[in-house]
Amino acid sequence: HLLSRRQRQMCIRDRYQVFVDEKEIDLLPSEFMIMKILMENEGSVMTSHQIAREMKNAGKEVRPSTVKVRVNALKSKIPDGKRMFHTIRGVGYKFEEEDTVK
């Protein structure tokens, strides 16, 4: 499948490295995993429990309350993070390209 414009600019590597416009973004392993989970489920709202379960399945155990802290860190660490990573109040989180957000 084709990558969107933003995903082409944001290169994710399996070594917990993220590059945005060729600049490395320093993320914790749990932040990286959450970002990857949300991007793989683009446009879908995921609860903190779902994200925590996905992380546990991948070998990293976190509490659902930790997910909130890590998503907020992603929003501040990644350029345009607040326009891509969304908190759906009372429900969960989703990743969505800024040009598709309504």
PDB file of N, CA and C in Angstrom:
ATOM      1  N   HIS A   1       0.826  -1.190   0.000  1.00  0.00           N
ATOM      2  CA  HIS A   1       0.000   0.000   0.000  1.00  0.00           C
ATOM      3  C   HIS A   1       0.865   1.246   0.000  1.00  0.00           C
ATOM      4  N   LEU A   2       0.314   2.309  -0.483  1.00  0.00           N
ATOM      5  CA  LEU A   2       1.075   3.550  -0.611  1.00  0.00           C
ATOM      6  C   LEU A   2       1.143   4.292   0.713  1.00  0.00           C
ATOM      7  N   LEU A   3       2.264   4.924   0.958  1.00  0.00           N
ATOM      8  CA  LEU A   3       2.415   5.730   2.156  1.00  0.00           C
ATOM      9  C   LEU A   3       1.888   7.130   1.894  1.00  0.00           C
ATOM     10  N   SER A   4       1.297   7.732   2.905  1.00  0.00           N
ATOM     11  CA  SER A   4       0.824   9.107   2.772  1.00  0.00           C
ATOM     12  C   SER A   4       2.026  10.050   2.754  1.00  0.00           C
ATOM     13  N   ARG A   5       1.772  11.298   2.414  1.00  0.00           N
ATOM     14  CA  ARG A   5       2.839  12.308   2.364  1.00  0.00           C
ATOM     15  C   ARG A   5       3.559  12.391   3.704  1.00  0.00           C
ATOM     16  N   ARG A   6       2.825  12.477   4.794  1.00  0.00           N
ATOM     17  CA  ARG A   6       3.436  12.624   6.113  1.00  0.00           C
ATOM     18  C   ARG A   6       4.210  11.371   6.505  1.00  0.00           C
ATOM     19  N   GLN A   7       3.666  10.198   6.190  1.00  0.00           N
ATOM     20  CA  GLN A   7       4.359   8.970   6.539  1.00  0.00           C
ATOM     21  C   GLN A   7       5.648   8.815   5.731  1.00  0.00           C
ATOM     22  N   ARG A   8       5.682   9.349   4.508  1.00  0.00           N
ATOM     23  CA  ARG A   8       6.934   9.331   3.751  1.00  0.00           C
ATOM     24  C   ARG A   8       7.961  10.232   4.410  1.00  0.00           C
ATOM     25  N   GLN A   9       7.505  11.343   4.984  1.00  0.00           N
ATOM     26  CA  GLN A   9       8.420  12.267   5.654  1.00  0.00           C
ATOM     27  C   GLN A   9       8.875  11.704   6.991  1.00  0.00           C
ATOM     28  N   MET A  10       8.032  10.900   7.621  1.00  0.00           N
ATOM     29  CA  MET A  10       8.347  10.340   8.933  1.00  0.00           C
ATOM     30  C   MET A  10       8.764   8.890   8.734  1.00  0.00           C
ATOM     31  N   CYS A  11      10.030   8.618   8.860  1.00  0.00           N
ATOM     32  CA  CYS A  11      10.568   7.281   8.648  1.00  0.00           C
ATOM     33  C   CYS A  11      10.681   6.570   9.990  1.00  0.00           C
ATOM     34  N   ILE A  12      10.030   5.437  10.117  1.00  0.00           N
ATOM     35  CA  ILE A  12      10.072   4.680  11.369  1.00  0.00           C
ATOM     36  C   ILE A  12      10.931   3.446  11.141  1.00  0.00           C
ATOM     37  N   ARG A  13      11.869   3.238  12.015  1.00  0.00           N
ATOM     38  CA  ARG A  13      12.738   2.070  11.904  1.00  0.00           C
ATOM     39  C   ARG A  13      12.495   1.167  13.096  1.00  0.00           C
ATOM     40  N   ASP A  14      12.708  -0.123  12.908  1.00  0.00           N
ATOM     41  CA  ASP A  14      12.451  -1.094  13.972  1.00  0.00           C
ATOM     42  C   ASP A  14      13.444  -1.005  15.128  1.00  0.00           C
ATOM     43  N   ARG A  15      14.437  -0.164  15.019  1.00  0.00           N
ATOM     44  CA  ARG A  15      15.414   0.003  16.101  1.00  0.00           C
ATOM     45  C   ARG A  15      14.997   1.122  17.050  1.00  0.00           C
ATOM     46  N   TYR A  16      13.717   1.380  17.116  1.00  0.00           N
ATOM     47  CA  TYR A  16      13.200   2.454  17.967  1.00  0.00           C
ATOM     48  C   TYR A  16      13.769   3.807  17.575  1.00  0.00           C
ATOM     49  N   GLN A  17      13.990   3.996  16.282  1.00  0.00           N
ATOM     50  CA  GLN A  17      14.472   5.276  15.774  1.00  0.00           C
ATOM     51  C   GLN A  17      13.385   5.883  14.892  1.00  0.00           C
ATOM     52  N   VAL A  18      13.181   7.176  15.051  1.00  0.00           N
ATOM     53  CA  VAL A  18      12.216   7.895  14.236  1.00  0.00           C
ATOM     54  C   VAL A  18      12.919   9.109  13.654  1.00  0.00           C
ATOM     55  N   PHE A  19      12.767   9.288  12.356  1.00  0.00           N
ATOM     56  CA  PHE A  19      13.340  10.438  11.684  1.00  0.00           C
ATOM     57  C   PHE A  19      12.217  11.225  11.036  1.00  0.00           C
ATOM     58  N   VAL A  20      12.175  12.512  11.290  1.00  0.00           N
ATOM     59  CA  VAL A  20      11.216  13.397  10.644  1.00  0.00           C
ATOM     60  C   VAL A  20      12.039  14.388   9.838  1.00  0.00           C
ATOM     61  N   ASP A  21      11.816  14.390   8.529  1.00  0.00           N
ATOM     62  CA  ASP A  21      12.580  15.262   7.631  1.00  0.00           C
ATOM     63  C   ASP A  21      14.083  15.128   7.886  1.00  0.00           C
ATOM     64  N   GLU A  22      14.551  13.875   8.010  1.00  0.00           N
ATOM     65  CA  GLU A  22      15.958  13.510   8.195  1.00  0.00           C
ATOM     66  C   GLU A  22      16.550  13.879   9.557  1.00  0.00           C
ATOM     67  N   LYS A  23      15.719  14.358  10.483  1.00  0.00           N
ATOM     68  CA  LYS A  23      16.182  14.675  11.835  1.00  0.00           C
ATOM     69  C   LYS A  23      15.668  13.601  12.789  1.00  0.00           C
ATOM     70  N   GLU A  24      16.591  13.016  13.581  1.00  0.00           N
ATOM     71  CA  GLU A  24      16.187  11.969  14.505  1.00  0.00           C
ATOM     72  C   GLU A  24      15.415  12.559  15.686  1.00  0.00           C
ATOM     73  N   ILE A  25      14.313  11.893  16.024  1.00  0.00           N
ATOM     74  CA  ILE A  25      13.488  12.279  17.167  1.00  0.00           C
ATOM     75  C   ILE A  25      13.751  11.254  18.262  1.00  0.00           C
ATOM     76  N   ASP A  26      14.124  11.719  19.435  1.00  0.00           N
ATOM     77  CA  ASP A  26      14.454  10.837  20.549  1.00  0.00           C
ATOM     78  C   ASP A  26      13.181  10.402  21.267  1.00  0.00           C
ATOM     79  N   LEU A  27      12.838   9.122  21.125  1.00  0.00           N
ATOM     80  CA  LEU A  27      11.650   8.576  21.780  1.00  0.00           C
ATOM     81  C   LEU A  27      12.028   7.430  22.704  1.00  0.00           C
ATOM     82  N   LEU A  28      11.269   7.290  23.772  1.00  0.00           N
ATOM     83  CA  LEU A  28      11.400   6.117  24.628  1.00  0.00           C
ATOM     84  C   LEU A  28      10.821   4.919  23.877  1.00  0.00           C
ATOM     85  N   PRO A  29      11.267   3.712  24.201  1.00  0.00           N
ATOM     86  CA  PRO A  29      10.711   2.530  23.524  1.00  0.00           C
ATOM     87  C   PRO A  29       9.183   2.458  23.608  1.00  0.00           C
ATOM     88  N   SER A  30       8.616   2.801  24.753  1.00  0.00           N
ATOM     89  CA  SER A  30       7.155   2.746  24.880  1.00  0.00           C
ATOM     90  C   SER A  30       6.477   3.806  24.010  1.00  0.00           C
ATOM     91  N   GLU A  31       7.086   4.983  23.872  1.00  0.00           N
ATOM     92  CA  GLU A  31       6.535   6.025  22.996  1.00  0.00           C
ATOM     93  C   GLU A  31       6.573   5.559  21.544  1.00  0.00           C
ATOM     94  N   PHE A  32       7.687   4.946  21.173  1.00  0.00           N
ATOM     95  CA  PHE A  32       7.830   4.424  19.818  1.00  0.00           C
ATOM     96  C   PHE A  32       6.748   3.389  19.523  1.00  0.00           C
ATOM     97  N   MET A  33       6.547   2.469  20.454  1.00  0.00           N
ATOM     98  CA  MET A  33       5.561   1.409  20.247  1.00  0.00           C
ATOM     99  C   MET A  33       4.147   1.978  20.123  1.00  0.00           C
ATOM    100  N   ILE A  34       3.817   2.947  20.955  1.00  0.00           N
ATOM    101  CA  ILE A  34       2.488   3.563  20.881  1.00  0.00           C
ATOM    102  C   ILE A  34       2.319   4.268  19.543  1.00  0.00           C
ATOM    103  N   MET A  35       3.336   4.987  19.124  1.00  0.00           N
ATOM    104  CA  MET A  35       3.265   5.676  17.840  1.00  0.00           C
ATOM    105  C   MET A  35       3.043   4.676  16.709  1.00  0.00           C
ATOM    106  N   LYS A  36       3.792   3.610  16.722  1.00  0.00           N
ATOM    107  CA  LYS A  36       3.681   2.591  15.684  1.00  0.00           C
ATOM    108  C   LYS A  36       2.285   1.956  15.686  1.00  0.00           C
ATOM    109  N   ILE A  37       1.768   1.634  16.858  1.00  0.00           N
ATOM    110  CA  ILE A  37       0.425   1.045  16.979  1.00  0.00           C
ATOM    111  C   ILE A  37      -0.631   1.995  16.421  1.00  0.00           C
ATOM    112  N   LEU A  38      -0.557   3.262  16.815  1.00  0.00           N
ATOM    113  CA  LEU A  38      -1.550   4.230  16.347  1.00  0.00           C
ATOM    114  C   LEU A  38      -1.440   4.452  14.839  1.00  0.00           C
ATOM    115  N   MET A  39      -0.221   4.509  14.307  1.00  0.00           N
ATOM    116  CA  MET A  39      -0.045   4.714  12.873  1.00  0.00           C
ATOM    117  C   MET A  39      -0.521   3.497  12.082  1.00  0.00           C
ATOM    118  N   GLU A  40      -0.306   2.311  12.613  1.00  0.00           N
ATOM    119  CA  GLU A  40      -0.778   1.097  11.931  1.00  0.00           C
ATOM    120  C   GLU A  40      -2.303   1.008  11.927  1.00  0.00           C
ATOM    121  N   ASN A  41      -2.939   1.719  12.838  1.00  0.00           N
ATOM    122  CA  ASN A  41      -4.406   1.736  12.936  1.00  0.00           C
ATOM    123  C   ASN A  41      -4.950   3.116  12.591  1.00  0.00           C
ATOM    124  N   GLU A  42      -4.313   3.777  11.635  1.00  0.00           N
ATOM    125  CA  GLU A  42      -4.650   5.153  11.276  1.00  0.00           C
ATOM    126  C   GLU A  42      -6.154   5.342  11.077  1.00  0.00           C
ATOM    127  N   GLY A  43      -6.668   6.404  11.714  1.00  0.00           N
ATOM    128  CA  GLY A  43      -8.077   6.752  11.591  1.00  0.00           C
ATOM    129  C   GLY A  43      -8.980   6.042  12.577  1.00  0.00           C
ATOM    130  N   SER A  44      -8.486   4.999  13.231  1.00  0.00           N
ATOM    131  CA  SER A  44      -9.280   4.253  14.212  1.00  0.00           C
ATOM    132  C   SER A  44      -8.971   4.745  15.616  1.00  0.00           C
ATOM    133  N   VAL A  45     -10.007   4.888  16.420  1.00  0.00           N
ATOM    134  CA  VAL A  45      -9.818   5.276  17.816  1.00  0.00           C
ATOM    135  C   VAL A  45      -9.486   4.022  18.608  1.00  0.00           C
ATOM    136  N   MET A  46      -8.427   4.106  19.405  1.00  0.00           N
ATOM    137  CA  MET A  46      -8.018   2.986  20.247  1.00  0.00           C
ATOM    138  C   MET A  46      -8.033   3.428  21.707  1.00  0.00           C
ATOM    139  N   THR A  47      -8.567   2.606  22.573  1.00  0.00           N
ATOM    140  CA  THR A  47      -8.561   2.919  24.001  1.00  0.00           C
ATOM    141  C   THR A  47      -7.170   2.662  24.566  1.00  0.00           C
ATOM    142  N   SER A  48      -6.904   3.228  25.735  1.00  0.00           N
ATOM    143  CA  SER A  48      -5.604   2.975  26.370  1.00  0.00           C
ATOM    144  C   SER A  48      -5.449   1.499  26.711  1.00  0.00           C
ATOM    145  N   HIS A  49      -6.564   0.821  27.021  1.00  0.00           N
ATOM    146  CA  HIS A  49      -6.495  -0.613  27.311  1.00  0.00           C
ATOM    147  C   HIS A  49      -6.119  -1.401  26.053  1.00  0.00           C
ATOM    148  N   GLN A  50      -6.670  -1.028  24.908  1.00  0.00           N
ATOM    149  CA  GLN A  50      -6.315  -1.705  23.657  1.00  0.00           C
ATOM    150  C   GLN A  50      -4.835  -1.501  23.331  1.00  0.00           C
ATOM    151  N   ILE A  51      -4.367  -0.275  23.490  1.00  0.00           N
ATOM    152  CA  ILE A  51      -2.957   0.022  23.210  1.00  0.00           C
ATOM    153  C   ILE A  51      -2.057  -0.750  24.167  1.00  0.00           C
ATOM    154  N   ALA A  52      -2.417  -0.758  25.453  1.00  0.00           N
ATOM    155  CA  ALA A  52      -1.621  -1.495  26.449  1.00  0.00           C
ATOM    156  C   ALA A  52      -1.600  -2.990  26.123  1.00  0.00           C
ATOM    157  N   ARG A  53      -2.725  -3.528  25.671  1.00  0.00           N
ATOM    158  CA  ARG A  53      -2.795  -4.953  25.302  1.00  0.00           C
ATOM    159  C   ARG A  53      -1.905  -5.238  24.084  1.00  0.00           C
ATOM    160  N   GLU A  54      -1.937  -4.349  23.085  1.00  0.00           N
ATOM    161  CA  GLU A  54      -1.070  -4.506  21.900  1.00  0.00           C
ATOM    162  C   GLU A  54       0.400  -4.496  22.317  1.00  0.00           C
ATOM    163  N   MET A  55       0.728  -3.598  23.244  1.00  0.00           N
ATOM    164  CA  MET A  55       2.117  -3.505  23.702  1.00  0.00           C
ATOM    165  C   MET A  55       2.519  -4.765  24.454  1.00  0.00           C
ATOM    166  N   LYS A  56       1.610  -5.285  25.275  1.00  0.00           N
ATOM    167  CA  LYS A  56       1.892  -6.512  26.023  1.00  0.00           C
ATOM    168  C   LYS A  56       2.129  -7.670  25.051  1.00  0.00           C
ATOM    169  N   ASN A  57       1.309  -7.739  23.990  1.00  0.00           N
ATOM    170  CA  ASN A  57       1.482  -8.784  22.975  1.00  0.00           C
ATOM    171  C   ASN A  57       2.843  -8.674  22.286  1.00  0.00           C
ATOM    172  N   ALA A  58       3.382  -7.448  22.225  1.00  0.00           N
ATOM    173  CA  ALA A  58       4.688  -7.224  21.602  1.00  0.00           C
ATOM    174  C   ALA A  58       5.836  -7.338  22.607  1.00  0.00           C
ATOM    175  N   GLY A  59       5.514  -7.658  23.879  1.00  0.00           N
ATOM    176  CA  GLY A  59       6.556  -7.881  24.871  1.00  0.00           C
ATOM    177  C   GLY A  59       6.869  -6.708  25.781  1.00  0.00           C
ATOM    178  N   LYS A  60       6.078  -5.647  25.722  1.00  0.00           N
ATOM    179  CA  LYS A  60       6.324  -4.467  26.570  1.00  0.00           C
ATOM    180  C   LYS A  60       5.070  -4.217  27.396  1.00  0.00           C
ATOM    181  N   GLU A  61       5.159  -4.448  28.693  1.00  0.00           N
ATOM    182  CA  GLU A  61       3.985  -4.283  29.551  1.00  0.00           C
ATOM    183  C   GLU A  61       3.923  -2.863  30.112  1.00  0.00           C
ATOM    184  N   VAL A  62       2.797  -2.198  29.898  1.00  0.00           N
ATOM    185  CA  VAL A  62       2.550  -0.865  30.456  1.00  0.00           C
ATOM    186  C   VAL A  62       1.127  -0.817  30.983  1.00  0.00           C
ATOM    187  N   ARG A  63       0.903   0.084  31.912  1.00  0.00           N
ATOM    188  CA  ARG A  63      -0.451   0.302  32.428  1.00  0.00           C
ATOM    189  C   ARG A  63      -1.186   1.245  31.480  1.00  0.00           C
ATOM    190  N   PRO A  64      -2.500   1.102  31.379  1.00  0.00           N
ATOM    191  CA  PRO A  64      -3.269   2.029  30.537  1.00  0.00           C
ATOM    192  C   PRO A  64      -3.044   3.498  30.906  1.00  0.00           C
ATOM    193  N   SER A  65      -2.824   3.785  32.184  1.00  0.00           N
ATOM    194  CA  SER A  65      -2.587   5.176  32.593  1.00  0.00           C
ATOM    195  C   SER A  65      -1.279   5.720  32.027  1.00  0.00           C
ATOM    196  N   THR A  66      -0.324   4.837  31.778  1.00  0.00           N
ATOM    197  CA  THR A  66       0.956   5.240  31.196  1.00  0.00           C
ATOM    198  C   THR A  66       0.778   5.656  29.739  1.00  0.00           C
ATOM    199  N   VAL A  67      -0.192   5.051  29.071  1.00  0.00           N
ATOM    200  CA  VAL A  67      -0.440   5.367  27.660  1.00  0.00           C
ATOM    201  C   VAL A  67      -0.736   6.855  27.502  1.00  0.00           C
ATOM    202  N   LYS A  68      -1.547   7.412  28.388  1.00  0.00           N
ATOM    203  CA  LYS A  68      -1.894   8.839  28.316  1.00  0.00           C
ATOM    204  C   LYS A  68      -0.643   9.703  28.382  1.00  0.00           C
ATOM    205  N   VAL A  69       0.237   9.407  29.306  1.00  0.00           N
ATOM    206  CA  VAL A  69       1.476  10.171  29.480  1.00  0.00           C
ATOM    207  C   VAL A  69       2.335  10.075  28.227  1.00  0.00           C
ATOM    208  N   ARG A  70       2.439   8.859  27.676  1.00  0.00           N
ATOM    209  CA  ARG A  70       3.290   8.655  26.495  1.00  0.00           C
ATOM    210  C   ARG A  70       2.705   9.311  25.241  1.00  0.00           C
ATOM    211  N   VAL A  71       1.381   9.299  25.091  1.00  0.00           N
ATOM    212  CA  VAL A  71       0.767   9.967  23.936  1.00  0.00           C
ATOM    213  C   VAL A  71       1.015  11.468  24.026  1.00  0.00           C
ATOM    214  N   ASN A  72       0.891  12.030  25.214  1.00  0.00           N
ATOM    215  CA  ASN A  72       1.163  13.462  25.385  1.00  0.00           C
ATOM    216  C   ASN A  72       2.620  13.782  25.060  1.00  0.00           C
ATOM    217  N   ALA A  73       3.529  12.889  25.413  1.00  0.00           N
ATOM    218  CA  ALA A  73       4.943  13.090  25.083  1.00  0.00           C
ATOM    219  C   ALA A  73       5.141  13.054  23.567  1.00  0.00           C
ATOM    220  N   LEU A  74       4.462  12.139  22.887  1.00  0.00           N
ATOM    221  CA  LEU A  74       4.551  12.079  21.425  1.00  0.00           C
ATOM    222  C   LEU A  74       4.089  13.380  20.792  1.00  0.00           C
ATOM    223  N   LYS A  75       3.002  13.914  21.312  1.00  0.00           N
ATOM    224  CA  LYS A  75       2.456  15.164  20.772  1.00  0.00           C
ATOM    225  C   LYS A  75       3.462  16.298  20.867  1.00  0.00           C
ATOM    226  N   SER A  76       4.259  16.314  21.924  1.00  0.00           N
ATOM    227  CA  SER A  76       5.216  17.410  22.088  1.00  0.00           C
ATOM    228  C   SER A  76       6.561  17.132  21.411  1.00  0.00           C
ATOM    229  N   LYS A  77       6.962  15.870  21.306  1.00  0.00           N
ATOM    230  CA  LYS A  77       8.271  15.550  20.741  1.00  0.00           C
ATOM    231  C   LYS A  77       8.291  15.562  19.213  1.00  0.00           C
ATOM    232  N   ILE A  78       7.193  15.168  18.594  1.00  0.00           N
ATOM    233  CA  ILE A  78       7.157  15.058  17.138  1.00  0.00           C
ATOM    234  C   ILE A  78       6.604  16.343  16.539  1.00  0.00           C
ATOM    235  N   PRO A  79       7.333  16.925  15.579  1.00  0.00           N
ATOM    236  CA  PRO A  79       6.809  18.124  14.918  1.00  0.00           C
ATOM    237  C   PRO A  79       5.408  17.840  14.354  1.00  0.00           C
ATOM    238  N   ASP A  80       4.492  18.752  14.589  1.00  0.00           N
ATOM    239  CA  ASP A  80       3.091  18.591  14.179  1.00  0.00           C
ATOM    240  C   ASP A  80       2.393  17.441  14.903  1.00  0.00           C
ATOM    241  N   GLY A  81       2.979  16.950  15.978  1.00  0.00           N
ATOM    242  CA  GLY A  81       2.397  15.837  16.730  1.00  0.00           C
ATOM    243  C   GLY A  81       0.980  16.101  17.201  1.00  0.00           C
ATOM    244  N   LYS A  82       0.700  17.337  17.613  1.00  0.00           N
ATOM    245  CA  LYS A  82      -0.640  17.669  18.099  1.00  0.00           C
ATOM    246  C   LYS A  82      -1.666  17.648  16.975  1.00  0.00           C
ATOM    247  N   ARG A  83      -1.196  17.761  15.734  1.00  0.00           N
ATOM    248  CA  ARG A  83      -2.104  17.731  14.589  1.00  0.00           C
ATOM    249  C   ARG A  83      -2.284  16.318  14.040  1.00  0.00           C
ATOM    250  N   MET A  84      -1.482  15.367  14.535  1.00  0.00           N
ATOM    251  CA  MET A  84      -1.569  13.990  14.028  1.00  0.00           C
ATOM    252  C   MET A  84      -2.060  12.998  15.072  1.00  0.00           C
ATOM    253  N   PHE A  85      -1.653  13.198  16.329  1.00  0.00           N
ATOM    254  CA  PHE A  85      -2.049  12.293  17.405  1.00  0.00           C
ATOM    255  C   PHE A  85      -3.163  12.976  18.192  1.00  0.00           C
ATOM    256  N   HIS A  86      -4.340  12.365  18.188  1.00  0.00           N
ATOM    257  CA  HIS A  86      -5.517  13.004  18.761  1.00  0.00           C
ATOM    258  C   HIS A  86      -6.034  12.250  19.967  1.00  0.00           C
ATOM    259  N   THR A  87      -6.424  13.010  20.988  1.00  0.00           N
ATOM    260  CA  THR A  87      -7.090  12.454  22.147  1.00  0.00           C
ATOM    261  C   THR A  87      -8.579  12.614  21.912  1.00  0.00           C
ATOM    262  N   ILE A  88      -9.309  11.520  21.950  1.00  0.00           N
ATOM    263  CA  ILE A  88     -10.754  11.547  21.826  1.00  0.00           C
ATOM    264  C   ILE A  88     -11.282  11.405  23.252  1.00  0.00           C
ATOM    265  N   ARG A  89     -11.683  12.514  23.799  1.00  0.00           N
ATOM    266  CA  ARG A  89     -12.041  12.589  25.214  1.00  0.00           C
ATOM    267  C   ARG A  89     -13.046  11.505  25.621  1.00  0.00           C
ATOM    268  N   GLY A  90     -12.691  10.797  26.674  1.00  0.00           N
ATOM    269  CA  GLY A  90     -13.542   9.748  27.212  1.00  0.00           C
ATOM    270  C   GLY A  90     -13.519   8.446  26.425  1.00  0.00           C
ATOM    271  N   VAL A  91     -12.731   8.409  25.338  1.00  0.00           N
ATOM    272  CA  VAL A  91     -12.710   7.212  24.504  1.00  0.00           C
ATOM    273  C   VAL A  91     -11.295   6.668  24.342  1.00  0.00           C
ATOM    274  N   GLY A  92     -10.391   7.475  23.743  1.00  0.00           N
ATOM    275  CA  GLY A  92      -9.045   6.976  23.514  1.00  0.00           C
ATOM    276  C   GLY A  92      -8.234   7.899  22.625  1.00  0.00           C
ATOM    277  N   TYR A  93      -7.449   7.293  21.732  1.00  0.00           N
ATOM    278  CA  TYR A  93      -6.489   8.038  20.925  1.00  0.00           C
ATOM    279  C   TYR A  93      -6.525   7.544  19.488  1.00  0.00           C
ATOM    280  N   LYS A  94      -6.135   8.428  18.564  1.00  0.00           N
ATOM    281  CA  LYS A  94      -6.003   8.005  17.175  1.00  0.00           C
ATOM    282  C   LYS A  94      -4.945   8.832  16.479  1.00  0.00           C
ATOM    283  N   PHE A  95      -4.400   8.237  15.431  1.00  0.00           N
ATOM    284  CA  PHE A  95      -3.478   8.928  14.537  1.00  0.00           C
ATOM    285  C   PHE A  95      -4.248   9.220  13.271  1.00  0.00           C
ATOM    286  N   GLU A  96      -4.128  10.462  12.793  1.00  0.00           N
ATOM    287  CA  GLU A  96      -4.778  10.834  11.556  1.00  0.00           C
ATOM    288  C   GLU A  96      -3.980  11.940  10.901  1.00  0.00           C
ATOM    289  N   GLU A  97      -3.776  11.819   9.598  1.00  0.00           N
ATOM    290  CA  GLU A  97      -3.063  12.838   8.844  1.00  0.00           C
ATOM    291  C   GLU A  97      -3.733  14.186   9.021  1.00  0.00           C
ATOM    292  N   GLU A  98      -2.910  15.239   9.107  1.00  0.00           N
ATOM    293  CA  GLU A  98      -3.486  16.575   9.314  1.00  0.00           C
ATOM    294  C   GLU A  98      -4.394  17.012   8.179  1.00  0.00           C
ATOM    295  N   ASP A  99      -4.134  16.562   6.929  1.00  0.00           N
ATOM    296  CA  ASP A  99      -5.001  17.011   5.844  1.00  0.00           C
ATOM    297  C   ASP A  99      -6.325  16.255   5.799  1.00  0.00           C
ATOM    298  N   THR A 100      -6.461  15.161   6.576  1.00  0.00           N
ATOM    299  CA  THR A 100      -7.725  14.425   6.578  1.00  0.00           C
ATOM    300  C   THR A 100      -8.553  14.716   7.811  1.00  0.00           C
ATOM    301  N   VAL A 101      -8.003  15.461   8.773  1.00  0.00           N
ATOM    302  CA  VAL A 101      -8.729  15.772   9.996  1.00  0.00           C
ATOM    303  C   VAL A 101      -9.858  16.747   9.672  1.00  0.00           C
ATOM    304  N   LYS A 102     -11.037  16.429  10.180  1.00  0.00           N
ATOM    305  CA  LYS A 102     -12.204  17.290   9.916  1.00  0.00           C
ATOM    306  C   LYS A 102     -12.466  18.193  11.092  1.00  0.00           C
TER     307      LYS A 102
END
